[in-house]
C-alpha atoms as a PDB file:
ATOM      1  CA  MET A   1      52.863   3.905 -43.153  1.00  0.00           C
ATOM      2  CA  THR A   2      49.901   1.001 -42.718  1.00  0.00           C
ATOM      3  CA  PRO A   3      46.558   3.189 -41.532  1.00  0.00           C
ATOM      4  CA  VAL A   4      45.331   3.062 -37.484  1.00  0.00           C
ATOM      5  CA  ALA A   5      41.730   2.892 -36.529  1.00  0.00           C
ATOM      6  CA  LEU A   6      40.543   3.821 -33.033  1.00  0.00           C
ATOM      7  CA  ARG A   7      37.620   1.856 -32.620  1.00  0.00           C
ATOM      8  CA  ARG A   8      35.783   0.811 -29.303  1.00  0.00           C
ATOM      9  CA  ALA A   9      36.881  -2.649 -28.776  1.00  0.00           C
ATOM     10  CA  ARG A  10      34.510  -5.998 -29.017  1.00  0.00           C
ATOM     11  CA  PRO A  11      34.149  -8.855 -26.804  1.00  0.00           C
ATOM     12  CA  THR A  12      36.245 -10.741 -29.408  1.00  0.00           C
ATOM     13  CA  ASP A  13      39.395  -8.263 -29.405  1.00  0.00           C
ATOM     14  CA  ALA A  14      39.501  -9.136 -25.523  1.00  0.00           C
ATOM     15  CA  GLY A  15      42.707 -11.380 -26.094  1.00  0.00           C
ATOM     16  CA  ALA A  16      44.549  -9.187 -28.822  1.00  0.00           C
ATOM     17  CA  ALA A  17      44.109  -6.510 -26.361  1.00  0.00           C
ATOM     18  CA  ALA A  18      45.036  -8.322 -23.725  1.00  0.00           C
ATOM     19  CA  ASP A  19      48.311  -9.751 -25.681  1.00  0.00           C
ATOM     20  CA  VAL A  20      49.192  -5.884 -26.554  1.00  0.00           C
ATOM     21  CA  TRP A  21      49.271  -5.130 -22.783  1.00  0.00           C
ATOM     22  CA  LEU A  22      51.582  -7.937 -21.564  1.00  0.00           C
ATOM     23  CA  ARG A  23      53.909  -7.056 -24.272  1.00  0.00           C
ATOM     24  CA  SER A  24      54.004  -3.281 -23.770  1.00  0.00           C
ATOM     25  CA  PHE A  25      54.299  -4.155 -20.501  1.00  0.00           C
ATOM     26  CA  ALA A  26      57.067  -6.164 -20.225  1.00  0.00           C
ATOM     27  CA  ALA A  27      58.931  -4.452 -22.538  1.00  0.00           C
ATOM     28  CA  ALA A  28      58.312  -0.722 -20.762  1.00  0.00           C
ATOM     29  CA  LEU A  29      58.342  -1.911 -16.889  1.00  0.00           C
ATOM     30  CA  PRO A  30      60.322  -5.026 -16.957  1.00  0.00           C
ATOM     31  CA  THR A  31      61.578  -4.294 -13.522  1.00  0.00           C
ATOM     32  CA  VAL A  32      58.336  -3.990 -12.018  1.00  0.00           C
ATOM     33  CA  VAL A  33      56.711  -7.594 -10.794  1.00  0.00           C
ATOM     34  CA  ARG A  34      53.346  -8.586 -11.917  1.00  0.00           C
ATOM     35  CA  PRO A  35      51.462 -10.078  -9.412  1.00  0.00           C
ATOM     36  CA  ARG A  36      49.200 -11.735 -11.756  1.00  0.00           C
ATOM     37  CA  THR A  37      49.734 -14.495 -14.669  1.00  0.00           C
ATOM     38  CA  ASP A  38      49.032 -14.068 -18.044  1.00  0.00           C
ATOM     39  CA  ASP A  39      46.156 -16.144 -17.577  1.00  0.00           C
ATOM     40  CA  ASP A  40      44.699 -13.759 -15.193  1.00  0.00           C
ATOM     41  CA  VAL A  41      45.285 -10.788 -17.062  1.00  0.00           C
ATOM     42  CA  ARG A  42      43.512 -12.644 -20.458  1.00  0.00           C
ATOM     43  CA  THR A  43      40.585 -13.475 -18.084  1.00  0.00           C
ATOM     44  CA  TYR A  44      40.595  -9.401 -17.126  1.00  0.00           C
ATOM     45  CA  PHE A  45      40.481  -8.338 -20.040  1.00  0.00           C
ATOM     46  CA  ARG A  46      37.868 -10.728 -21.132  1.00  0.00           C
ATOM     47  CA  GLU A  47      35.549 -10.532 -18.246  1.00  0.00           C
ATOM     48  CA  VAL A  48      35.820  -7.175 -17.441  1.00  0.00           C
ATOM     49  CA  VAL A  49      38.062  -4.969 -19.277  1.00  0.00           C
ATOM     50  CA  VAL A  50      36.280  -5.289 -22.905  1.00  0.00           C
ATOM     51  CA  LEU A  51      32.866  -5.903 -20.983  1.00  0.00           C
ATOM     52  CA  LEU A  52      32.613  -3.329 -18.698  1.00  0.00           C
ATOM     53  CA  ARG A  53      34.801  -0.715 -19.293  1.00  0.00           C
ATOM     54  CA  GLU A  54      35.077   1.801 -22.113  1.00  0.00           C
ATOM     55  CA  THR A  55      37.561   0.552 -23.854  1.00  0.00           C
ATOM     56  CA  TRP A  56      38.962   1.584 -27.398  1.00  0.00           C
ATOM     57  CA  VAL A  57      41.161  -0.630 -29.445  1.00  0.00           C
ATOM     58  CA  ALA A  58      44.032   1.139 -31.965  1.00  0.00           C
ATOM     59  CA  GLU A  59      43.976  -1.315 -35.130  1.00  0.00           C
ATOM     60  CA  ALA A  60      46.383  -1.435 -38.087  1.00  0.00           C
ATOM     61  CA  ALA A  61      46.320  -4.069 -40.493  1.00  0.00           C
ATOM     62  CA  ASP A  62      43.680  -6.159 -39.314  1.00  0.00           C
ATOM     63  CA  ARG A  63      45.394  -6.829 -35.690  1.00  0.00           C
ATOM     64  CA  ILE A  64      45.577  -4.871 -32.482  1.00  0.00           C
ATOM     65  CA  VAL A  65      48.323  -2.226 -31.452  1.00  0.00           C
ATOM     66  CA  GLY A  66      47.040  -0.371 -28.647  1.00  0.00           C
ATOM     67  CA  LEU A  67      44.458   0.014 -26.113  1.00  0.00           C
ATOM     68  CA  MET A  68      43.133   2.607 -24.032  1.00  0.00           C
ATOM     69  CA  VAL A  69      40.778   2.195 -21.161  1.00  0.00           C
ATOM     70  CA  LEU A  70      38.543   5.102 -19.609  1.00  0.00           C
ATOM     71  CA  ASP A  71      36.523   4.214 -16.144  1.00  0.00           C
ATOM     72  CA  ALA A  72      34.681   7.290 -15.105  1.00  0.00           C
ATOM     73  CA  ASP A  73      37.288  10.170 -15.310  1.00  0.00           C
ATOM     74  CA  GLN A  74      39.863   8.261 -14.966  1.00  0.00           C
ATOM     75  CA  LEU A  75      42.311   6.931 -17.948  1.00  0.00           C
ATOM     76  CA  SER A  76      43.157   3.618 -16.691  1.00  0.00           C
ATOM     77  CA  GLN A  77      44.716   1.864 -19.138  1.00  0.00           C
ATOM     78  CA  LEU A  78      46.896   2.925 -22.545  1.00  0.00           C
ATOM     79  CA  TYR A  79      49.282   0.488 -23.325  1.00  0.00           C
ATOM     80  CA  LEU A  80      50.825   0.110 -27.391  1.00  0.00           C
ATOM     81  CA  ASP A  81      52.585  -2.810 -29.286  1.00  0.00           C
ATOM     82  CA  PRO A  82      56.066  -2.018 -28.124  1.00  0.00           C
ATOM     83  CA  ASP A  83      56.871  -1.948 -32.084  1.00  0.00           C
ATOM     84  CA  TRP A  84      54.269   0.293 -32.726  1.00  0.00           C
ATOM     85  CA  ARG A  85      55.627   3.375 -30.394  1.00  0.00           C
ATOM     86  CA  GLY A  86      56.335   5.913 -32.003  1.00  0.00           C
ATOM     87  CA  HIS A  87      53.780   6.161 -34.529  1.00  0.00           C
ATOM     88  CA  GLY A  88      51.517   9.025 -33.218  1.00  0.00           C
ATOM     89  CA  ILE A  89      49.014   6.054 -31.738  1.00  0.00           C
ATOM     90  CA  GLY A  90      49.456   7.235 -28.349  1.00  0.00           C
ATOM     91  CA  ASP A  91      48.540  10.803 -29.229  1.00  0.00           C
ATOM     92  CA  ARG A  92      45.380   9.635 -31.085  1.00  0.00           C
ATOM     93  CA  LEU A  93      44.146   7.863 -28.074  1.00  0.00           C
ATOM     94  CA  VAL A  94      44.943  10.419 -25.632  1.00  0.00           C
ATOM     95  CA  ASP A  95      43.035  13.303 -27.671  1.00  0.00           C
ATOM     96  CA  LEU A  96      40.440  10.709 -27.914  1.00  0.00           C
ATOM     97  CA  ALA A  97      40.187  10.907 -24.393  1.00  0.00           C
ATOM     98  CA  LYS A  98      40.249  14.108 -23.604  1.00  0.00           C
ATOM     99  CA  ARG A  99      37.087  14.410 -26.056  1.00  0.00           C
ATOM    100  CA  ARG A 100      35.408  11.851 -24.330  1.00  0.00           C
ATOM    101  CA  ARG A 101      36.180  13.038 -20.986  1.00  0.00           C
ATOM    102  CA  PRO A 102      36.238  17.064 -21.676  1.00  0.00           C
ATOM    103  CA  ASP A 103      36.001  18.067 -18.165  1.00  0.00           C
ATOM    104  CA  GLY A 104      38.910  16.447 -16.907  1.00  0.00           C
ATOM    105  CA  LEU A 105      41.028  13.039 -16.783  1.00  0.00           C
ATOM    106  CA  SER A 106      42.747  11.416 -14.232  1.00  0.00           C
ATOM    107  CA  LEU A 107      45.596   8.600 -14.517  1.00  0.00           C
ATOM    108  CA  TRP A 108      48.277   6.655 -12.793  1.00  0.00           C
ATOM    109  CA  THR A 109      51.858   5.612 -13.705  1.00  0.00           C
ATOM    110  CA  PHE A 110      54.548   4.104 -12.354  1.00  0.00           C
ATOM    111  CA  GLN A 111      57.060   6.708 -10.993  1.00  0.00           C
ATOM    112  CA  VAL A 112      59.846   4.243 -12.807  1.00  0.00           C
ATOM    113  CA  ASN A 113      58.196   4.933 -16.092  1.00  0.00           C
ATOM    114  CA  ARG A 114      59.948   8.569 -17.154  1.00  0.00           C
ATOM    115  CA  PRO A 115      58.672   8.256 -20.783  1.00  0.00           C
ATOM    116  CA  ALA A 116      55.150   7.878 -19.656  1.00  0.00           C
ATOM    117  CA  HIS A 117      55.638  11.180 -17.421  1.00  0.00           C
ATOM    118  CA  ARG A 118      57.204  12.817 -19.977  1.00  0.00           C
ATOM    119  CA  PHE A 119      54.481  11.826 -22.717  1.00  0.00           C
ATOM    120  CA  TYR A 120      51.637  12.497 -20.453  1.00  0.00           C
ATOM    121  CA  GLU A 121      53.194  16.120 -19.433  1.00  0.00           C
ATOM    122  CA  ARG A 122      53.599  16.487 -23.122  1.00  0.00           C
ATOM    123  CA  HIS A 123      49.868  16.206 -23.089  1.00  0.00           C
ATOM    124  CA  GLY A 124      48.974  18.588 -20.468  1.00  0.00           C
ATOM    125  CA  PHE A 125      48.540  16.804 -17.399  1.00  0.00           C
ATOM    126  CA  VAL A 126      50.307  17.389 -14.518  1.00  0.00           C
ATOM    127  CA  ALA A 127      51.402  15.305 -11.271  1.00  0.00           C
ATOM    128  CA  VAL A 128      49.717  16.012  -8.354  1.00  0.00           C
ATOM    129  CA  GLU A 129      50.166  13.289  -6.108  1.00  0.00           C
ATOM    130  CA  PHE A 130      53.182  10.363  -5.198  1.00  0.00           C
ATOM    131  CA  THR A 131      52.810   7.064  -3.216  1.00  0.00           C
ATOM    132  CA  ASP A 132      55.313   4.971  -2.144  1.00  0.00           C
ATOM    133  CA  GLY A 133      52.913   1.930  -3.659  1.00  0.00           C
ATOM    134  CA  SER A 134      51.455   0.499  -1.056  1.00  0.00           C
ATOM    135  CA  GLY A 135      47.756   1.489  -2.727  1.00  0.00           C
ATOM    136  CA  ASN A 136      48.582  -0.914  -5.842  1.00  0.00           C
ATOM    137  CA  GLU A 137      48.898  -4.650  -6.039  1.00  0.00           C
ATOM    138  CA  GLU A 138      52.157  -3.997  -7.181  1.00  0.00           C
ATOM    139  CA  GLN A 139      53.908  -1.977  -4.502  1.00  0.00           C
ATOM    140  CA  GLU A 140      55.753  -0.111  -6.695  1.00  0.00           C
ATOM    141  CA  PRO A 141      55.915   3.594  -6.460  1.00  0.00           C
ATOM    142  CA  ASP A 142      53.293   5.572  -8.123  1.00  0.00           C
ATOM    143  CA  VAL A 143      52.233   9.198  -9.667  1.00  0.00           C
ATOM    144  CA  ARG A 144      48.764   9.867 -10.033  1.00  0.00           C
ATOM    145  CA  TYR A 145      48.839  12.789 -12.798  1.00  0.00           C
ATOM    146  CA  VAL A 146      45.593  14.974 -13.894  1.00  0.00           C
ATOM    147  CA  TRP A 147      44.198  17.048 -17.120  1.00  0.00           C
ATOM    148  CA  GLN A 148      42.129  20.106 -16.739  1.00  0.00           C
ATOM    149  CA  PRO A 149      40.542  21.750 -19.671  1.00  0.00           C
ATOM    150  CA  GLY A 150      41.302  25.491 -19.728  1.00  0.00           C
ATOM    151  CA  ARG A 151      45.015  24.999 -18.270  1.00  0.00           C
ATOM    152  CA  PRO A 152      47.541  27.163 -19.802  1.00  0.00           C
ATOM    153  CA  ASP A 153      49.607  23.850 -19.905  1.00  0.00           C
ATOM    154  CA  SER A 154      46.547  21.648 -21.162  1.00  0.00           C
ATOM    155  CA  ARG A 155      45.986  20.173 -24.954  1.00  0.00           C
END
């Protein structure tokens, strides 16, 4: 198996990270309507995500295969290239997030994304809020998860 390195994203990674996000979103959430074009997503990654957020990438074979974004205590993005799922990269990124935010984390995911629910619950996150989607730009029902260190079900 090709080794995977986790590192902070550089400005030159923005395009590749956005492409991972686009491929992953399309594969994992085919029923969710994106309100932004691919070019809008790439611009957002270039001008906001990589420059202004704590963005980490997973790199294998000299290409970006995953990304994670931390914004204060929120895990705001965790996406893997569909071909790289099931290799433990998501586990490593969540473990990194917990080390970077040892006082706790929260995140949002869509209610239709059942695999994400199972993944985060396996990592000790607990669903604490369900919405009708009126607060997100996709207008898709979502769920907020929280991880607090020291809970019996937290890893």
